[in-house]
Amino acid sequence: MSSSGASQPTPPSKAQSVDPILRNALRYTISAKEYQLLHQYLLSRAPVVKKRTIHPKRYDAIVKGPDDYNVAAFRAALRLGVVTFSGLKAWEVISMRLLSRGTAKR
């Protein structure tokens, strides 16, 4: 009564064999276009890296998801947070240096 198609498990494709946590981390970190630029930059700087990096087409297949809007929005918010934090730290360093100069003159 069992059919041969139902008893045999389907082999996972390459995109499905990637850990879901890793896939989401990659999706939320950089986009496929950005990865392609990073890949080209790394290959031009260090050809040894070529063996260890994922090809851009493979990366695109890994991060392909049903809804890219939320991922892009989160990526933009993450970048805004990093830039804001960096700007505030830079302002803190600059203001501390300027304030320390002002108190030394007294």
PDB file of N, CA and C in Angstrom:
ATOM      1  N   MET A   1       0.790  -1.190   0.000  1.00  0.00           N
ATOM      2  CA  MET A   1       0.000   0.000   0.000  1.00  0.00           C
ATOM      3  C   MET A   1       0.839   1.264   0.000  1.00  0.00           C
ATOM      4  N   SER A   2       2.078   1.145   0.402  1.00  0.00           N
ATOM      5  CA  SER A   2       2.905   2.342   0.425  1.00  0.00           C
ATOM      6  C   SER A   2       3.445   2.622  -0.967  1.00  0.00           C
ATOM      7  N   SER A   3       3.411   3.860  -1.315  1.00  0.00           N
ATOM      8  CA  SER A   3       3.936   4.251  -2.617  1.00  0.00           C
ATOM      9  C   SER A   3       5.430   4.509  -2.491  1.00  0.00           C
ATOM     10  N   SER A   4       6.143   4.302  -3.566  1.00  0.00           N
ATOM     11  CA  SER A   4       7.598   4.460  -3.526  1.00  0.00           C
ATOM     12  C   SER A   4       7.999   5.920  -3.371  1.00  0.00           C
ATOM     13  N   GLY A   5       7.176   6.854  -3.861  1.00  0.00           N
ATOM     14  CA  GLY A   5       7.491   8.277  -3.753  1.00  0.00           C
ATOM     15  C   GLY A   5       7.343   8.792  -2.338  1.00  0.00           C
ATOM     16  N   ALA A   6       6.379   8.265  -1.581  1.00  0.00           N
ATOM     17  CA  ALA A   6       6.142   8.743  -0.229  1.00  0.00           C
ATOM     18  C   ALA A   6       7.138   8.164   0.767  1.00  0.00           C
ATOM     19  N   SER A   7       7.687   6.986   0.488  1.00  0.00           N
ATOM     20  CA  SER A   7       8.592   6.354   1.442  1.00  0.00           C
ATOM     21  C   SER A   7      10.014   6.906   1.348  1.00  0.00           C
ATOM     22  N   GLN A   8      10.375   7.490   0.231  1.00  0.00           N
ATOM     23  CA  GLN A   8      11.723   8.014   0.066  1.00  0.00           C
ATOM     24  C   GLN A   8      11.757   9.486   0.443  1.00  0.00           C
ATOM     25  N   PRO A   9      12.642   9.856   1.377  1.00  0.00           N
ATOM     26  CA  PRO A   9      12.746  11.275   1.726  1.00  0.00           C
ATOM     27  C   PRO A   9      13.404  12.049   0.593  1.00  0.00           C
ATOM     28  N   THR A  10      12.966  13.267   0.421  1.00  0.00           N
ATOM     29  CA  THR A  10      13.554  14.101  -0.622  1.00  0.00           C
ATOM     30  C   THR A  10      14.847  14.698  -0.092  1.00  0.00           C
ATOM     31  N   PRO A  11      15.904  14.667  -0.883  1.00  0.00           N
ATOM     32  CA  PRO A  11      17.167  15.242  -0.425  1.00  0.00           C
ATOM     33  C   PRO A  11      17.050  16.762  -0.358  1.00  0.00           C
ATOM     34  N   PRO A  12      17.603  17.370   0.685  1.00  0.00           N
ATOM     35  CA  PRO A  12      17.524  18.824   0.788  1.00  0.00           C
ATOM     36  C   PRO A  12      18.406  19.486  -0.256  1.00  0.00           C
ATOM     37  N   SER A  13      17.935  20.599  -0.765  1.00  0.00           N
ATOM     38  CA  SER A  13      18.750  21.343  -1.723  1.00  0.00           C
ATOM     39  C   SER A  13      19.838  22.100  -0.969  1.00  0.00           C
ATOM     40  N   LYS A  14      20.762  22.693  -1.708  1.00  0.00           N
ATOM     41  CA  LYS A  14      21.867  23.412  -1.077  1.00  0.00           C
ATOM     42  C   LYS A  14      21.367  24.593  -0.258  1.00  0.00           C
ATOM     43  N   ALA A  15      20.356  25.298  -0.769  1.00  0.00           N
ATOM     44  CA  ALA A  15      19.845  26.460  -0.055  1.00  0.00           C
ATOM     45  C   ALA A  15      19.127  26.040   1.220  1.00  0.00           C
ATOM     46  N   GLN A  16      18.498  24.872   1.225  1.00  0.00           N
ATOM     47  CA  GLN A  16      17.781  24.411   2.399  1.00  0.00           C
ATOM     48  C   GLN A  16      18.716  23.783   3.421  1.00  0.00           C
ATOM     49  N   SER A  17      19.896  23.339   3.031  1.00  0.00           N
ATOM     50  CA  SER A  17      20.807  22.684   3.954  1.00  0.00           C
ATOM     51  C   SER A  17      21.530  23.673   4.865  1.00  0.00           C
ATOM     52  N   VAL A  18      21.395  24.950   4.627  1.00  0.00           N
ATOM     53  CA  VAL A  18      22.019  25.967   5.460  1.00  0.00           C
ATOM     54  C   VAL A  18      21.193  26.122   6.734  1.00  0.00           C
ATOM     55  N   ASP A  19      21.878  26.256   7.843  1.00  0.00           N
ATOM     56  CA  ASP A  19      21.220  26.425   9.128  1.00  0.00           C
ATOM     57  C   ASP A  19      20.289  27.638   9.081  1.00  0.00           C
ATOM     58  N   PRO A  20      19.056  27.512   9.560  1.00  0.00           N
ATOM     59  CA  PRO A  20      18.112  28.640   9.489  1.00  0.00           C
ATOM     60  C   PRO A  20      18.579  29.861  10.268  1.00  0.00           C
ATOM     61  N   ILE A  21      19.269  29.650  11.368  1.00  0.00           N
ATOM     62  CA  ILE A  21      19.768  30.787  12.146  1.00  0.00           C
ATOM     63  C   ILE A  21      20.843  31.528  11.364  1.00  0.00           C
ATOM     64  N   LEU A  22      21.737  30.771  10.731  1.00  0.00           N
ATOM     65  CA  LEU A  22      22.776  31.388   9.903  1.00  0.00           C
ATOM     66  C   LEU A  22      22.155  32.122   8.724  1.00  0.00           C
ATOM     67  N   ARG A  23      21.157  31.509   8.094  1.00  0.00           N
ATOM     68  CA  ARG A  23      20.496  32.142   6.954  1.00  0.00           C
ATOM     69  C   ARG A  23      19.868  33.473   7.366  1.00  0.00           C
ATOM     70  N   ASN A  24      19.169  33.503   8.496  1.00  0.00           N
ATOM     71  CA  ASN A  24      18.555  34.749   8.946  1.00  0.00           C
ATOM     72  C   ASN A  24      19.601  35.775   9.348  1.00  0.00           C
ATOM     73  N   ALA A  25      20.686  35.325   9.950  1.00  0.00           N
ATOM     74  CA  ALA A  25      21.757  36.257  10.307  1.00  0.00           C
ATOM     75  C   ALA A  25      22.351  36.895   9.058  1.00  0.00           C
ATOM     76  N   LEU A  26      22.538  36.101   8.014  1.00  0.00           N
ATOM     77  CA  LEU A  26      23.052  36.649   6.760  1.00  0.00           C
ATOM     78  C   LEU A  26      22.054  37.608   6.133  1.00  0.00           C
ATOM     79  N   ARG A  27      20.770  37.251   6.151  1.00  0.00           N
ATOM     80  CA  ARG A  27      19.747  38.113   5.555  1.00  0.00           C
ATOM     81  C   ARG A  27      19.676  39.460   6.255  1.00  0.00           C
ATOM     82  N   TYR A  28      19.795  39.441   7.588  1.00  0.00           N
ATOM     83  CA  TYR A  28      19.666  40.673   8.351  1.00  0.00           C
ATOM     84  C   TYR A  28      20.951  41.486   8.387  1.00  0.00           C
ATOM     85  N   THR A  29      22.060  40.918   7.970  1.00  0.00           N
ATOM     86  CA  THR A  29      23.330  41.633   8.025  1.00  0.00           C
ATOM     87  C   THR A  29      23.592  42.447   6.766  1.00  0.00           C
ATOM     88  N   ILE A  30      23.686  41.791   5.615  1.00  0.00           N
ATOM     89  CA  ILE A  30      23.939  42.507   4.366  1.00  0.00           C
ATOM     90  C   ILE A  30      23.054  41.945   3.264  1.00  0.00           C
ATOM     91  N   SER A  31      22.784  42.775   2.285  1.00  0.00           N
ATOM     92  CA  SER A  31      21.951  42.347   1.158  1.00  0.00           C
ATOM     93  C   SER A  31      22.805  41.587   0.146  1.00  0.00           C
ATOM     94  N   ALA A  32      22.147  41.018  -0.839  1.00  0.00           N
ATOM     95  CA  ALA A  32      22.861  40.244  -1.861  1.00  0.00           C
ATOM     96  C   ALA A  32      23.783  41.144  -2.685  1.00  0.00           C
ATOM     97  N   LYS A  33      23.333  42.354  -3.003  1.00  0.00           N
ATOM     98  CA  LYS A  33      24.172  43.287  -3.768  1.00  0.00           C
ATOM     99  C   LYS A  33      25.411  43.690  -2.968  1.00  0.00           C
ATOM    100  N   GLU A  34      25.197  43.960  -1.679  1.00  0.00           N
ATOM    101  CA  GLU A  34      26.323  44.339  -0.833  1.00  0.00           C
ATOM    102  C   GLU A  34      27.306  43.180  -0.683  1.00  0.00           C
ATOM    103  N   TYR A  35      26.782  41.968  -0.581  1.00  0.00           N
ATOM    104  CA  TYR A  35      27.672  40.811  -0.487  1.00  0.00           C
ATOM    105  C   TYR A  35      28.482  40.649  -1.766  1.00  0.00           C
ATOM    106  N   GLN A  36      27.863  40.903  -2.907  1.00  0.00           N
ATOM    107  CA  GLN A  36      28.583  40.786  -4.171  1.00  0.00           C
ATOM    108  C   GLN A  36      29.734  41.793  -4.222  1.00  0.00           C
ATOM    109  N   LEU A  37      29.484  43.028  -3.790  1.00  0.00           N
ATOM    110  CA  LEU A  37      30.550  44.031  -3.753  1.00  0.00           C
ATOM    111  C   LEU A  37      31.650  43.636  -2.765  1.00  0.00           C
ATOM    112  N   LEU A  38      31.251  43.139  -1.607  1.00  0.00           N
ATOM    113  CA  LEU A  38      32.222  42.695  -0.617  1.00  0.00           C
ATOM    114  C   LEU A  38      33.037  41.521  -1.143  1.00  0.00           C
ATOM    115  N   HIS A  39      32.390  40.613  -1.831  1.00  0.00           N
ATOM    116  CA  HIS A  39      33.064  39.451  -2.411  1.00  0.00           C
ATOM    117  C   HIS A  39      34.112  39.896  -3.428  1.00  0.00           C
ATOM    118  N   GLN A  40      33.742  40.828  -4.310  1.00  0.00           N
ATOM    119  CA  GLN A  40      34.693  41.333  -5.302  1.00  0.00           C
ATOM    120  C   GLN A  40      35.867  42.038  -4.626  1.00  0.00           C
ATOM    121  N   TYR A  41      35.578  42.822  -3.595  1.00  0.00           N
ATOM    122  CA  TYR A  41      36.630  43.530  -2.875  1.00  0.00           C
ATOM    123  C   TYR A  41      37.585  42.551  -2.199  1.00  0.00           C
ATOM    124  N   LEU A  42      37.030  41.538  -1.539  1.00  0.00           N
ATOM    125  CA  LEU A  42      37.876  40.560  -0.863  1.00  0.00           C
ATOM    126  C   LEU A  42      38.746  39.788  -1.840  1.00  0.00           C
ATOM    127  N   LEU A  43      38.176  39.428  -2.982  1.00  0.00           N
ATOM    128  CA  LEU A  43      38.953  38.684  -3.970  1.00  0.00           C
ATOM    129  C   LEU A  43      40.062  39.532  -4.567  1.00  0.00           C
ATOM    130  N   SER A  44      39.806  40.835  -4.729  1.00  0.00           N
ATOM    131  CA  SER A  44      40.847  41.698  -5.288  1.00  0.00           C
ATOM    132  C   SER A  44      41.966  41.944  -4.279  1.00  0.00           C
ATOM    133  N   ARG A  45      41.640  41.917  -2.998  1.00  0.00           N
ATOM    134  CA  ARG A  45      42.639  42.168  -1.962  1.00  0.00           C
ATOM    135  C   ARG A  45      43.391  40.907  -1.549  1.00  0.00           C
ATOM    136  N   ALA A  46      42.685  39.807  -1.445  1.00  0.00           N
ATOM    137  CA  ALA A  46      43.312  38.573  -0.967  1.00  0.00           C
ATOM    138  C   ALA A  46      42.755  37.375  -1.730  1.00  0.00           C
ATOM    139  N   PRO A  47      43.462  36.926  -2.767  1.00  0.00           N
ATOM    140  CA  PRO A  47      42.973  35.779  -3.540  1.00  0.00           C
ATOM    141  C   PRO A  47      42.863  34.489  -2.728  1.00  0.00           C
ATOM    142  N   VAL A  48      43.560  34.392  -1.612  1.00  0.00           N
ATOM    143  CA  VAL A  48      43.480  33.205  -0.763  1.00  0.00           C
ATOM    144  C   VAL A  48      42.071  33.042  -0.192  1.00  0.00           C
ATOM    145  N   VAL A  49      41.370  34.144  -0.052  1.00  0.00           N
ATOM    146  CA  VAL A  49      40.024  34.125   0.521  1.00  0.00           C
ATOM    147  C   VAL A  49      39.027  33.465  -0.428  1.00  0.00           C
ATOM    148  N   LYS A  50      39.368  33.370  -1.682  1.00  0.00           N
ATOM    149  CA  LYS A  50      38.442  32.848  -2.692  1.00  0.00           C
ATOM    150  C   LYS A  50      37.914  31.464  -2.327  1.00  0.00           C
ATOM    151  N   LYS A  51      38.751  30.624  -1.758  1.00  0.00           N
ATOM    152  CA  LYS A  51      38.326  29.272  -1.411  1.00  0.00           C
ATOM    153  C   LYS A  51      37.351  29.252  -0.241  1.00  0.00           C
ATOM    154  N   ARG A  52      37.407  30.239   0.616  1.00  0.00           N
ATOM    155  CA  ARG A  52      36.606  30.223   1.838  1.00  0.00           C
ATOM    156  C   ARG A  52      35.325  31.034   1.748  1.00  0.00           C
ATOM    157  N   THR A  53      35.162  31.840   0.718  1.00  0.00           N
ATOM    158  CA  THR A  53      33.961  32.663   0.617  1.00  0.00           C
ATOM    159  C   THR A  53      32.887  31.961  -0.199  1.00  0.00           C
ATOM    160  N   ILE A  54      31.668  32.352   0.071  1.00  0.00           N
ATOM    161  CA  ILE A  54      30.525  31.825  -0.669  1.00  0.00           C
ATOM    162  C   ILE A  54      30.390  32.630  -1.952  1.00  0.00           C
ATOM    163  N   HIS A  55      30.093  31.974  -3.038  1.00  0.00           N
ATOM    164  CA  HIS A  55      29.885  32.665  -4.303  1.00  0.00           C
ATOM    165  C   HIS A  55      28.624  33.530  -4.185  1.00  0.00           C
ATOM    166  N   PRO A  56      28.606  34.733  -4.799  1.00  0.00           N
ATOM    167  CA  PRO A  56      27.438  35.613  -4.677  1.00  0.00           C
ATOM    168  C   PRO A  56      26.113  34.966  -5.093  1.00  0.00           C
ATOM    169  N   LYS A  57      26.118  34.118  -6.103  1.00  0.00           N
ATOM    170  CA  LYS A  57      24.866  33.462  -6.503  1.00  0.00           C
ATOM    171  C   LYS A  57      24.390  32.510  -5.412  1.00  0.00           C
ATOM    172  N   ARG A  58      25.309  31.831  -4.780  1.00  0.00           N
ATOM    173  CA  ARG A  58      24.945  30.928  -3.678  1.00  0.00           C
ATOM    174  C   ARG A  58      24.420  31.734  -2.497  1.00  0.00           C
ATOM    175  N   TYR A  59      25.061  32.855  -2.196  1.00  0.00           N
ATOM    176  CA  TYR A  59      24.607  33.722  -1.116  1.00  0.00           C
ATOM    177  C   TYR A  59      23.193  34.217  -1.395  1.00  0.00           C
ATOM    178  N   ASP A  60      22.944  34.618  -2.635  1.00  0.00           N
ATOM    179  CA  ASP A  60      21.612  35.088  -3.012  1.00  0.00           C
ATOM    180  C   ASP A  60      20.576  33.985  -2.819  1.00  0.00           C
ATOM    181  N   ALA A  61      20.941  32.759  -3.157  1.00  0.00           N
ATOM    182  CA  ALA A  61      20.014  31.636  -2.971  1.00  0.00           C
ATOM    183  C   ALA A  61      19.777  31.354  -1.493  1.00  0.00           C
ATOM    184  N   ILE A  62      20.788  31.550  -0.669  1.00  0.00           N
ATOM    185  CA  ILE A  62      20.648  31.299   0.765  1.00  0.00           C
ATOM    186  C   ILE A  62      19.728  32.323   1.408  1.00  0.00           C
ATOM    187  N   VAL A  63      19.930  33.596   1.091  1.00  0.00           N
ATOM    188  CA  VAL A  63      19.187  34.650   1.780  1.00  0.00           C
ATOM    189  C   VAL A  63      17.841  34.957   1.145  1.00  0.00           C
ATOM    190  N   LYS A  64      17.524  34.285   0.055  1.00  0.00           N
ATOM    191  CA  LYS A  64      16.241  34.530  -0.595  1.00  0.00           C
ATOM    192  C   LYS A  64      15.129  34.172   0.376  1.00  0.00           C
ATOM    193  N   GLY A  65      14.281  35.111   0.656  1.00  0.00           N
ATOM    194  CA  GLY A  65      13.199  34.868   1.597  1.00  0.00           C
ATOM    195  C   GLY A  65      11.873  35.337   1.042  1.00  0.00           C
ATOM    196  N   PRO A  66      10.801  34.974   1.720  1.00  0.00           N
ATOM    197  CA  PRO A  66       9.479  35.349   1.226  1.00  0.00           C
ATOM    198  C   PRO A  66       9.190  36.843   1.366  1.00  0.00           C
ATOM    199  N   ASP A  67       9.759  37.485   2.383  1.00  0.00           N
ATOM    200  CA  ASP A  67       9.462  38.886   2.625  1.00  0.00           C
ATOM    201  C   ASP A  67      10.762  39.645   2.846  1.00  0.00           C
ATOM    202  N   ASP A  68      11.180  40.413   1.862  1.00  0.00           N
ATOM    203  CA  ASP A  68      12.427  41.155   1.979  1.00  0.00           C
ATOM    204  C   ASP A  68      12.232  42.544   2.576  1.00  0.00           C
ATOM    205  N   TYR A  69      10.985  43.010   2.708  1.00  0.00           N
ATOM    206  CA  TYR A  69      10.746  44.350   3.235  1.00  0.00           C
ATOM    207  C   TYR A  69      11.172  44.443   4.699  1.00  0.00           C
ATOM    208  N   ASN A  70      10.763  43.489   5.510  1.00  0.00           N
ATOM    209  CA  ASN A  70      11.122  43.526   6.926  1.00  0.00           C
ATOM    210  C   ASN A  70      12.624  43.415   7.121  1.00  0.00           C
ATOM    211  N   VAL A  71      13.249  42.599   6.329  1.00  0.00           N
ATOM    212  CA  VAL A  71      14.699  42.431   6.420  1.00  0.00           C
ATOM    213  C   VAL A  71      15.401  43.730   6.060  1.00  0.00           C
ATOM    214  N   ALA A  72      14.969  44.370   4.988  1.00  0.00           N
ATOM    215  CA  ALA A  72      15.586  45.631   4.564  1.00  0.00           C
ATOM    216  C   ALA A  72      15.347  46.731   5.596  1.00  0.00           C
ATOM    217  N   ALA A  73      14.158  46.758   6.174  1.00  0.00           N
ATOM    218  CA  ALA A  73      13.854  47.763   7.192  1.00  0.00           C
ATOM    219  C   ALA A  73      14.721  47.552   8.434  1.00  0.00           C
ATOM    220  N   PHE A  74      14.875  46.314   8.843  1.00  0.00           N
ATOM    221  CA  PHE A  74      15.717  46.019  10.001  1.00  0.00           C
ATOM    222  C   PHE A  74      17.172  46.372   9.720  1.00  0.00           C
ATOM    223  N   ARG A  75      17.642  46.066   8.519  1.00  0.00           N
ATOM    224  CA  ARG A  75      19.020  46.378   8.140  1.00  0.00           C
ATOM    225  C   ARG A  75      19.247  47.889   8.179  1.00  0.00           C
ATOM    226  N   ALA A  76      18.290  48.658   7.678  1.00  0.00           N
ATOM    227  CA  ALA A  76      18.419  50.119   7.698  1.00  0.00           C
ATOM    228  C   ALA A  76      18.403  50.645   9.131  1.00  0.00           C
ATOM    229  N   ALA A  77      17.541  50.089   9.964  1.00  0.00           N
ATOM    230  CA  ALA A  77      17.489  50.517  11.362  1.00  0.00           C
ATOM    231  C   ALA A  77      18.776  50.164  12.097  1.00  0.00           C
ATOM    232  N   LEU A  78      19.324  49.009  11.802  1.00  0.00           N
ATOM    233  CA  LEU A  78      20.583  48.595  12.417  1.00  0.00           C
ATOM    234  C   LEU A  78      21.712  49.541  12.023  1.00  0.00           C
ATOM    235  N   ARG A  79      21.758  49.897  10.757  1.00  0.00           N
ATOM    236  CA  ARG A  79      22.790  50.837  10.296  1.00  0.00           C
ATOM    237  C   ARG A  79      22.609  52.205  10.936  1.00  0.00           C
ATOM    238  N   LEU A  80      21.367  52.658  11.049  1.00  0.00           N
ATOM    239  CA  LEU A  80      21.104  53.942  11.681  1.00  0.00           C
ATOM    240  C   LEU A  80      21.567  53.923  13.132  1.00  0.00           C
ATOM    241  N   GLY A  81      21.316  52.829  13.817  1.00  0.00           N
ATOM    242  CA  GLY A  81      21.764  52.705  15.202  1.00  0.00           C
ATOM    243  C   GLY A  81      23.276  52.743  15.320  1.00  0.00           C
ATOM    244  N   VAL A  82      23.960  52.054  14.435  1.00  0.00           N
ATOM    245  CA  VAL A  82      25.429  52.031  14.469  1.00  0.00           C
ATOM    246  C   VAL A  82      25.988  53.419  14.170  1.00  0.00           C
ATOM    247  N   VAL A  83      25.435  54.093  13.175  1.00  0.00           N
ATOM    248  CA  VAL A  83      25.912  55.435  12.824  1.00  0.00           C
ATOM    249  C   VAL A  83      25.629  56.417  13.956  1.00  0.00           C
ATOM    250  N   THR A  84      24.457  56.331  14.565  1.00  0.00           N
ATOM    251  CA  THR A  84      24.117  57.218  15.675  1.00  0.00           C
ATOM    252  C   THR A  84      25.051  56.983  16.857  1.00  0.00           C
ATOM    253  N   PHE A  85      25.272  55.728  17.198  1.00  0.00           N
ATOM    254  CA  PHE A  85      26.173  55.398  18.300  1.00  0.00           C
ATOM    255  C   PHE A  85      27.585  55.909  18.020  1.00  0.00           C
ATOM    256  N   SER A  86      28.068  55.704  16.798  1.00  0.00           N
ATOM    257  CA  SER A  86      29.410  56.168  16.432  1.00  0.00           C
ATOM    258  C   SER A  86      29.496  57.687  16.486  1.00  0.00           C
ATOM    259  N   GLY A  87      28.465  58.357  15.992  1.00  0.00           N
ATOM    260  CA  GLY A  87      28.446  59.815  16.027  1.00  0.00           C
ATOM    261  C   GLY A  87      28.447  60.357  17.444  1.00  0.00           C
ATOM    262  N   LEU A  88      27.667  59.744  18.321  1.00  0.00           N
ATOM    263  CA  LEU A  88      27.636  60.195  19.709  1.00  0.00           C
ATOM    264  C   LEU A  88      28.965  59.930  20.418  1.00  0.00           C
ATOM    265  N   LYS A  89      29.589  58.814  20.119  1.00  0.00           N
ATOM    266  CA  LYS A  89      30.903  58.535  20.712  1.00  0.00           C
ATOM    267  C   LYS A  89      31.943  59.535  20.208  1.00  0.00           C
ATOM    268  N   ALA A  90      31.890  59.861  18.919  1.00  0.00           N
ATOM    269  CA  ALA A  90      32.818  60.849  18.364  1.00  0.00           C
ATOM    270  C   ALA A  90      32.583  62.212  19.006  1.00  0.00           C
ATOM    271  N   TRP A  91      31.322  62.589  19.179  1.00  0.00           N
ATOM    272  CA  TRP A  91      30.994  63.856  19.823  1.00  0.00           C
ATOM    273  C   TRP A  91      31.503  63.867  21.266  1.00  0.00           C
ATOM    274  N   GLU A  92      31.380  62.762  21.950  1.00  0.00           N
ATOM    275  CA  GLU A  92      31.866  62.667  23.323  1.00  0.00           C
ATOM    276  C   GLU A  92      33.378  62.873  23.384  1.00  0.00           C
ATOM    277  N   VAL A  93      34.109  62.242  22.487  1.00  0.00           N
ATOM    278  CA  VAL A  93      35.570  62.378  22.466  1.00  0.00           C
ATOM    279  C   VAL A  93      35.966  63.808  22.131  1.00  0.00           C
ATOM    280  N   ILE A  94      35.327  64.385  21.120  1.00  0.00           N
ATOM    281  CA  ILE A  94      35.657  65.756  20.710  1.00  0.00           C
ATOM    282  C   ILE A  94      35.322  66.744  21.815  1.00  0.00           C
ATOM    283  N   SER A  95      34.152  66.613  22.409  1.00  0.00           N
ATOM    284  CA  SER A  95      33.759  67.562  23.458  1.00  0.00           C
ATOM    285  C   SER A  95      34.643  67.415  24.695  1.00  0.00           C
ATOM    286  N   MET A  96      35.042  66.207  25.032  1.00  0.00           N
ATOM    287  CA  MET A  96      35.937  66.027  26.179  1.00  0.00           C
ATOM    288  C   MET A  96      37.294  66.677  25.911  1.00  0.00           C
ATOM    289  N   ARG A  97      37.781  66.580  24.697  1.00  0.00           N
ATOM    290  CA  ARG A  97      39.066  67.213  24.370  1.00  0.00           C
ATOM    291  C   ARG A  97      38.944  68.734  24.413  1.00  0.00           C
ATOM    292  N   LEU A  98      37.831  69.254  23.896  1.00  0.00           N
ATOM    293  CA  LEU A  98      37.642  70.704  23.913  1.00  0.00           C
ATOM    294  C   LEU A  98      37.438  71.213  25.334  1.00  0.00           C
ATOM    295  N   LEU A  99      36.683  70.488  26.141  1.00  0.00           N
ATOM    296  CA  LEU A  99      36.467  70.908  27.524  1.00  0.00           C
ATOM    297  C   LEU A  99      37.749  70.807  28.344  1.00  0.00           C
ATOM    298  N   SER A 100      38.559  69.821  28.060  1.00  0.00           N
ATOM    299  CA  SER A 100      39.813  69.692  28.809  1.00  0.00           C
ATOM    300  C   SER A 100      40.779  70.820  28.447  1.00  0.00           C
ATOM    301  N   ARG A 101      40.729  71.308  27.239  1.00  0.00           N
ATOM    302  CA  ARG A 101      41.570  72.449  26.847  1.00  0.00           C
ATOM    303  C   ARG A 101      41.096  73.716  27.546  1.00  0.00           C
ATOM    304  N   GLY A 102      39.790  73.881  27.664  1.00  0.00           N
ATOM    305  CA  GLY A 102      39.238  75.078  28.303  1.00  0.00           C
ATOM    306  C   GLY A 102      39.547  75.136  29.784  1.00  0.00           C
ATOM    307  N   THR A 103      39.549  74.013  30.465  1.00  0.00           N
ATOM    308  CA  THR A 103      39.840  74.013  31.901  1.00  0.00           C
ATOM    309  C   THR A 103      41.332  74.162  32.175  1.00  0.00           C
ATOM    310  N   ALA A 104      42.178  73.797  31.254  1.00  0.00           N
ATOM    311  CA  ALA A 104      43.626  73.919  31.456  1.00  0.00           C
ATOM    312  C   ALA A 104      44.066  75.373  31.381  1.00  0.00           C
ATOM    313  N   LYS A 105      43.323  76.221  30.682  1.00  0.00           N
ATOM    314  CA  LYS A 105      43.696  77.630  30.539  1.00  0.00           C
ATOM    315  C   LYS A 105      43.414  78.411  31.816  1.00  0.00           C
ATOM    316  N   ARG A 106      42.527  77.959  32.660  1.00  0.00           N
ATOM    317  CA  ARG A 106      42.173  78.686  33.886  1.00  0.00           C
ATOM    318  C   ARG A 106      43.257  78.568  34.843  1.00  0.00           C
TER     319      ARG A 106
END
